[in-house]
C-alpha cells in the first residue's frame, strides 16, 4: 500500500495525489494531529509507478451517478446552467 511506503495516512496520500495532478487540495482537519498529517503530505512525492497505480485504481472506480449540487436550469430564464 502506498500509504505504508510513505509512512502516511490515506488522507495524506489523497492530498498528495490531488497535488500531483496539478490541483490545489483544500484539506480539512478536526484536530492538530490531522493538521500535522496533512502538512506531512508535502514532504514527499509519488514515483511514476505510484502515480500510475493510483490512476489505474481511480479509473476502475464505478461512476456513482451522483447528481451535481447545482441547479440544472435557471429558475427565471429556464436556460441550462453548467458547473464552472
N, C-alpha and C. Protein backbone atom coordinates (compact mmCIF):
# COMPACT_ATOMS: atom_id res chain seq x y z
N UNK A 1 0.84 -1.18 0.00
CA UNK A 1 0.00 0.00 0.00
C UNK A 1 0.89 1.25 0.00
N UNK A 2 0.49 2.21 -0.78
CA UNK A 2 1.28 3.43 -0.95
C UNK A 2 1.44 4.20 0.36
N UNK A 3 0.37 4.26 1.14
CA UNK A 3 0.44 5.00 2.41
C UNK A 3 1.52 4.41 3.32
N UNK A 4 1.60 3.10 3.39
CA UNK A 4 2.62 2.47 4.23
C UNK A 4 4.02 2.76 3.73
N UNK A 5 4.19 2.75 2.41
CA UNK A 5 5.53 3.02 1.86
C UNK A 5 6.03 4.41 2.23
N UNK A 6 5.11 5.34 2.39
CA UNK A 6 5.49 6.72 2.72
C UNK A 6 5.24 7.06 4.18
N UNK A 7 4.88 6.03 4.97
CA UNK A 7 4.57 6.24 6.39
C UNK A 7 3.55 7.37 6.55
N UNK A 8 2.48 7.26 5.78
CA UNK A 8 1.47 8.32 5.75
C UNK A 8 0.08 7.71 5.95
N UNK A 9 -0.86 8.56 6.30
CA UNK A 9 -2.25 8.13 6.40
C UNK A 9 -2.89 8.25 5.02
N UNK A 10 -3.97 7.50 4.76
CA UNK A 10 -4.63 7.57 3.45
C UNK A 10 -5.02 8.98 3.03
N UNK A 11 -5.42 9.81 3.97
CA UNK A 11 -5.79 11.19 3.62
C UNK A 11 -4.60 11.95 3.05
N UNK A 12 -3.40 11.71 3.57
CA UNK A 12 -2.20 12.37 3.04
C UNK A 12 -1.89 11.89 1.63
N UNK A 13 -2.16 10.62 1.36
CA UNK A 13 -1.97 10.09 0.00
C UNK A 13 -2.94 10.80 -0.95
N UNK A 14 -4.19 10.93 -0.52
CA UNK A 14 -5.18 11.61 -1.35
C UNK A 14 -4.79 13.06 -1.62
N UNK A 15 -4.35 13.77 -0.59
CA UNK A 15 -3.92 15.16 -0.76
C UNK A 15 -2.75 15.26 -1.73
N UNK A 16 -1.80 14.36 -1.56
CA UNK A 16 -0.61 14.38 -2.41
C UNK A 16 -0.97 14.03 -3.85
N UNK A 17 -1.91 13.11 -4.04
CA UNK A 17 -2.32 12.72 -5.38
C UNK A 17 -3.01 13.87 -6.10
N UNK A 18 -3.88 14.58 -5.39
CA UNK A 18 -4.55 15.75 -5.97
C UNK A 18 -3.50 16.79 -6.37
N UNK A 19 -2.54 17.00 -5.50
CA UNK A 19 -1.46 17.96 -5.79
C UNK A 19 -0.64 17.52 -6.99
N UNK A 20 -0.37 16.21 -7.10
CA UNK A 20 0.41 15.68 -8.22
C UNK A 20 -0.33 15.87 -9.53
N UNK A 21 -1.65 15.98 -9.47
CA UNK A 21 -2.46 16.19 -10.67
C UNK A 21 -2.51 17.67 -11.08
N UNK A 22 -1.88 18.52 -10.30
CA UNK A 22 -1.83 19.93 -10.64
C UNK A 22 -2.94 20.76 -10.01
N UNK A 23 -3.72 20.15 -9.14
CA UNK A 23 -4.78 20.88 -8.46
C UNK A 23 -4.31 21.30 -7.07
N UNK A 24 -5.04 22.18 -6.48
CA UNK A 24 -4.72 22.63 -5.13
C UNK A 24 -5.77 22.06 -4.19
N UNK A 25 -5.39 21.07 -3.38
CA UNK A 25 -6.38 20.48 -2.48
C UNK A 25 -6.70 21.41 -1.31
N UNK A 26 -7.93 21.34 -0.88
CA UNK A 26 -8.35 22.07 0.32
C UNK A 26 -8.56 21.02 1.40
N UNK A 27 -7.60 20.93 2.27
CA UNK A 27 -7.62 19.88 3.29
C UNK A 27 -8.45 20.28 4.49
N UNK A 28 -9.16 19.33 5.01
CA UNK A 28 -9.89 19.55 6.24
C UNK A 28 -9.16 18.87 7.39
N UNK A 29 -9.36 19.36 8.57
CA UNK A 29 -8.75 18.76 9.75
C UNK A 29 -9.61 19.10 10.96
N UNK A 30 -9.78 18.12 11.82
CA UNK A 30 -10.58 18.33 13.02
C UNK A 30 -9.74 18.51 14.26
N UNK A 31 -8.44 18.24 14.13
CA UNK A 31 -7.57 18.40 15.30
C UNK A 31 -6.13 18.63 14.82
N UNK A 32 -5.26 18.93 15.76
CA UNK A 32 -3.87 19.25 15.43
C UNK A 32 -3.15 18.06 14.80
N UNK A 33 -3.46 16.86 15.23
CA UNK A 33 -2.83 15.66 14.66
C UNK A 33 -3.13 15.58 13.16
N UNK A 34 -4.37 15.85 12.75
CA UNK A 34 -4.72 15.81 11.34
C UNK A 34 -4.05 16.93 10.55
N UNK A 35 -3.91 18.09 11.16
CA UNK A 35 -3.20 19.19 10.52
C UNK A 35 -1.76 18.77 10.22
N UNK A 36 -1.11 18.15 11.21
CA UNK A 36 0.27 17.70 11.03
C UNK A 36 0.36 16.62 9.95
N UNK A 37 -0.61 15.72 9.90
CA UNK A 37 -0.61 14.69 8.87
C UNK A 37 -0.79 15.31 7.48
N UNK A 38 -1.67 16.29 7.39
CA UNK A 38 -1.87 16.98 6.12
C UNK A 38 -0.60 17.69 5.66
N UNK A 39 0.04 18.38 6.58
CA UNK A 39 1.29 19.07 6.24
C UNK A 39 2.39 18.09 5.84
N UNK A 40 2.41 16.94 6.47
CA UNK A 40 3.43 15.93 6.16
C UNK A 40 3.29 15.43 4.73
N UNK A 41 2.12 15.54 4.14
CA UNK A 41 1.94 15.09 2.76
C UNK A 41 2.74 15.94 1.78
N UNK A 42 3.18 17.10 2.22
CA UNK A 42 4.00 17.96 1.36
C UNK A 42 5.48 17.56 1.37
N UNK A 43 5.84 16.65 2.25
CA UNK A 43 7.25 16.28 2.42
C UNK A 43 7.73 15.20 1.47
N UNK A 44 6.84 14.63 0.67
CA UNK A 44 7.23 13.54 -0.21
C UNK A 44 6.43 13.61 -1.51
N UNK A 45 6.93 12.96 -2.53
CA UNK A 45 6.26 12.90 -3.83
C UNK A 45 6.11 11.45 -4.26
N UNK A 46 5.18 11.19 -5.14
CA UNK A 46 4.97 9.85 -5.67
C UNK A 46 6.00 9.54 -6.74
N UNK A 47 6.32 8.27 -6.86
CA UNK A 47 7.11 7.82 -8.00
C UNK A 47 6.17 7.74 -9.20
N UNK A 48 6.72 7.62 -10.38
CA UNK A 48 5.91 7.48 -11.59
C UNK A 48 5.03 6.24 -11.49
N UNK A 49 5.58 5.16 -10.97
CA UNK A 49 4.81 3.91 -10.82
C UNK A 49 3.66 4.08 -9.83
N UNK A 50 3.90 4.81 -8.76
CA UNK A 50 2.84 5.02 -7.77
C UNK A 50 1.71 5.86 -8.36
N UNK A 51 2.05 6.89 -9.12
CA UNK A 51 1.01 7.70 -9.77
C UNK A 51 0.20 6.85 -10.73
N UNK A 52 0.88 6.01 -11.50
CA UNK A 52 0.19 5.13 -12.44
C UNK A 52 -0.74 4.17 -11.69
N UNK A 53 -0.28 3.67 -10.55
CA UNK A 53 -1.10 2.77 -9.74
C UNK A 53 -2.36 3.47 -9.25
N UNK A 54 -2.21 4.68 -8.74
CA UNK A 54 -3.36 5.43 -8.26
C UNK A 54 -4.31 5.79 -9.39
N UNK A 55 -3.77 6.16 -10.54
CA UNK A 55 -4.60 6.48 -11.70
C UNK A 55 -5.41 5.26 -12.14
N UNK A 56 -4.78 4.11 -12.14
CA UNK A 56 -5.47 2.87 -12.52
C UNK A 56 -6.61 2.58 -11.56
N UNK A 57 -6.34 2.70 -10.28
CA UNK A 57 -7.38 2.47 -9.27
C UNK A 57 -8.54 3.44 -9.46
N UNK A 58 -8.22 4.72 -9.66
CA UNK A 58 -9.26 5.74 -9.82
C UNK A 58 -10.09 5.47 -11.07
N UNK A 59 -9.46 5.04 -12.15
CA UNK A 59 -10.18 4.78 -13.39
C UNK A 59 -11.07 3.56 -13.31
N UNK A 60 -10.80 2.67 -12.37
CA UNK A 60 -11.61 1.46 -12.22
C UNK A 60 -12.80 1.64 -11.28
N UNK A 61 -12.85 2.78 -10.59
CA UNK A 61 -13.97 3.03 -9.68
C UNK A 61 -15.25 3.24 -10.49
N UNK A 62 -16.34 2.67 -10.02
CA UNK A 62 -17.60 2.84 -10.76
C UNK A 62 -18.13 4.26 -10.61
N UNK A 63 -18.77 4.74 -11.64
CA UNK A 63 -19.42 6.04 -11.58
C UNK A 63 -20.63 5.90 -10.66
N UNK A 64 -20.75 6.77 -9.70
CA UNK A 64 -21.80 6.65 -8.70
C UNK A 64 -23.11 7.30 -9.14
N UNK A 65 -23.06 8.06 -10.23
CA UNK A 65 -24.28 8.69 -10.71
C UNK A 65 -24.82 9.76 -9.78
N UNK A 66 -23.94 10.41 -9.06
CA UNK A 66 -24.35 11.46 -8.13
C UNK A 66 -24.71 12.71 -8.93
N UNK A 67 -25.88 13.26 -8.64
CA UNK A 67 -26.28 14.50 -9.31
C UNK A 67 -25.45 15.66 -8.78
N UNK A 68 -25.08 16.58 -9.68
CA UNK A 68 -24.32 17.75 -9.21
C UNK A 68 -25.16 18.60 -8.24
N UNK A 69 -24.51 19.28 -7.31
CA UNK A 69 -25.25 20.03 -6.29
C UNK A 69 -25.78 21.38 -6.77
N UNK A 70 -25.67 21.67 -8.05
CA UNK A 70 -26.13 22.95 -8.56
C UNK A 70 -27.36 22.74 -9.44
N UNK A 71 -28.11 23.80 -9.63
CA UNK A 71 -29.32 23.72 -10.44
C UNK A 71 -28.97 23.44 -11.90
N UNK A 72 -29.81 22.65 -12.57
CA UNK A 72 -29.59 22.35 -13.98
C UNK A 72 -30.15 23.45 -14.87
N UNK A 73 -31.20 24.12 -14.40
CA UNK A 73 -31.80 25.20 -15.18
C UNK A 73 -31.99 26.42 -14.29
N UNK A 74 -31.84 27.59 -14.89
CA UNK A 74 -32.10 28.83 -14.18
C UNK A 74 -33.60 28.92 -13.91
N UNK A 75 -33.97 29.27 -12.70
CA UNK A 75 -35.38 29.32 -12.34
C UNK A 75 -36.17 30.39 -13.08
N UNK A 76 -35.50 31.47 -13.46
CA UNK A 76 -36.20 32.58 -14.10
C UNK A 76 -36.18 32.51 -15.61
N UNK A 77 -35.06 32.11 -16.20
CA UNK A 77 -34.96 32.10 -17.66
C UNK A 77 -35.17 30.73 -18.26
N UNK A 78 -35.02 29.68 -17.47
CA UNK A 78 -35.13 28.32 -17.99
C UNK A 78 -33.89 27.86 -18.75
N UNK A 79 -32.86 28.72 -18.79
CA UNK A 79 -31.64 28.38 -19.52
C UNK A 79 -30.87 27.31 -18.77
N UNK A 80 -30.24 26.42 -19.52
CA UNK A 80 -29.43 25.36 -18.93
C UNK A 80 -28.19 25.98 -18.29
N UNK A 81 -27.86 25.54 -17.08
CA UNK A 81 -26.69 26.05 -16.37
C UNK A 81 -25.62 24.98 -16.32
N UNK A 82 -24.39 25.40 -16.35
CA UNK A 82 -23.25 24.48 -16.31
C UNK A 82 -22.38 24.80 -15.12
N UNK A 83 -21.78 23.79 -14.53
CA UNK A 83 -20.85 23.99 -13.43
C UNK A 83 -19.59 24.62 -13.99
N UNK A 84 -19.07 25.60 -13.31
CA UNK A 84 -17.86 26.25 -13.83
C UNK A 84 -16.61 25.66 -13.30
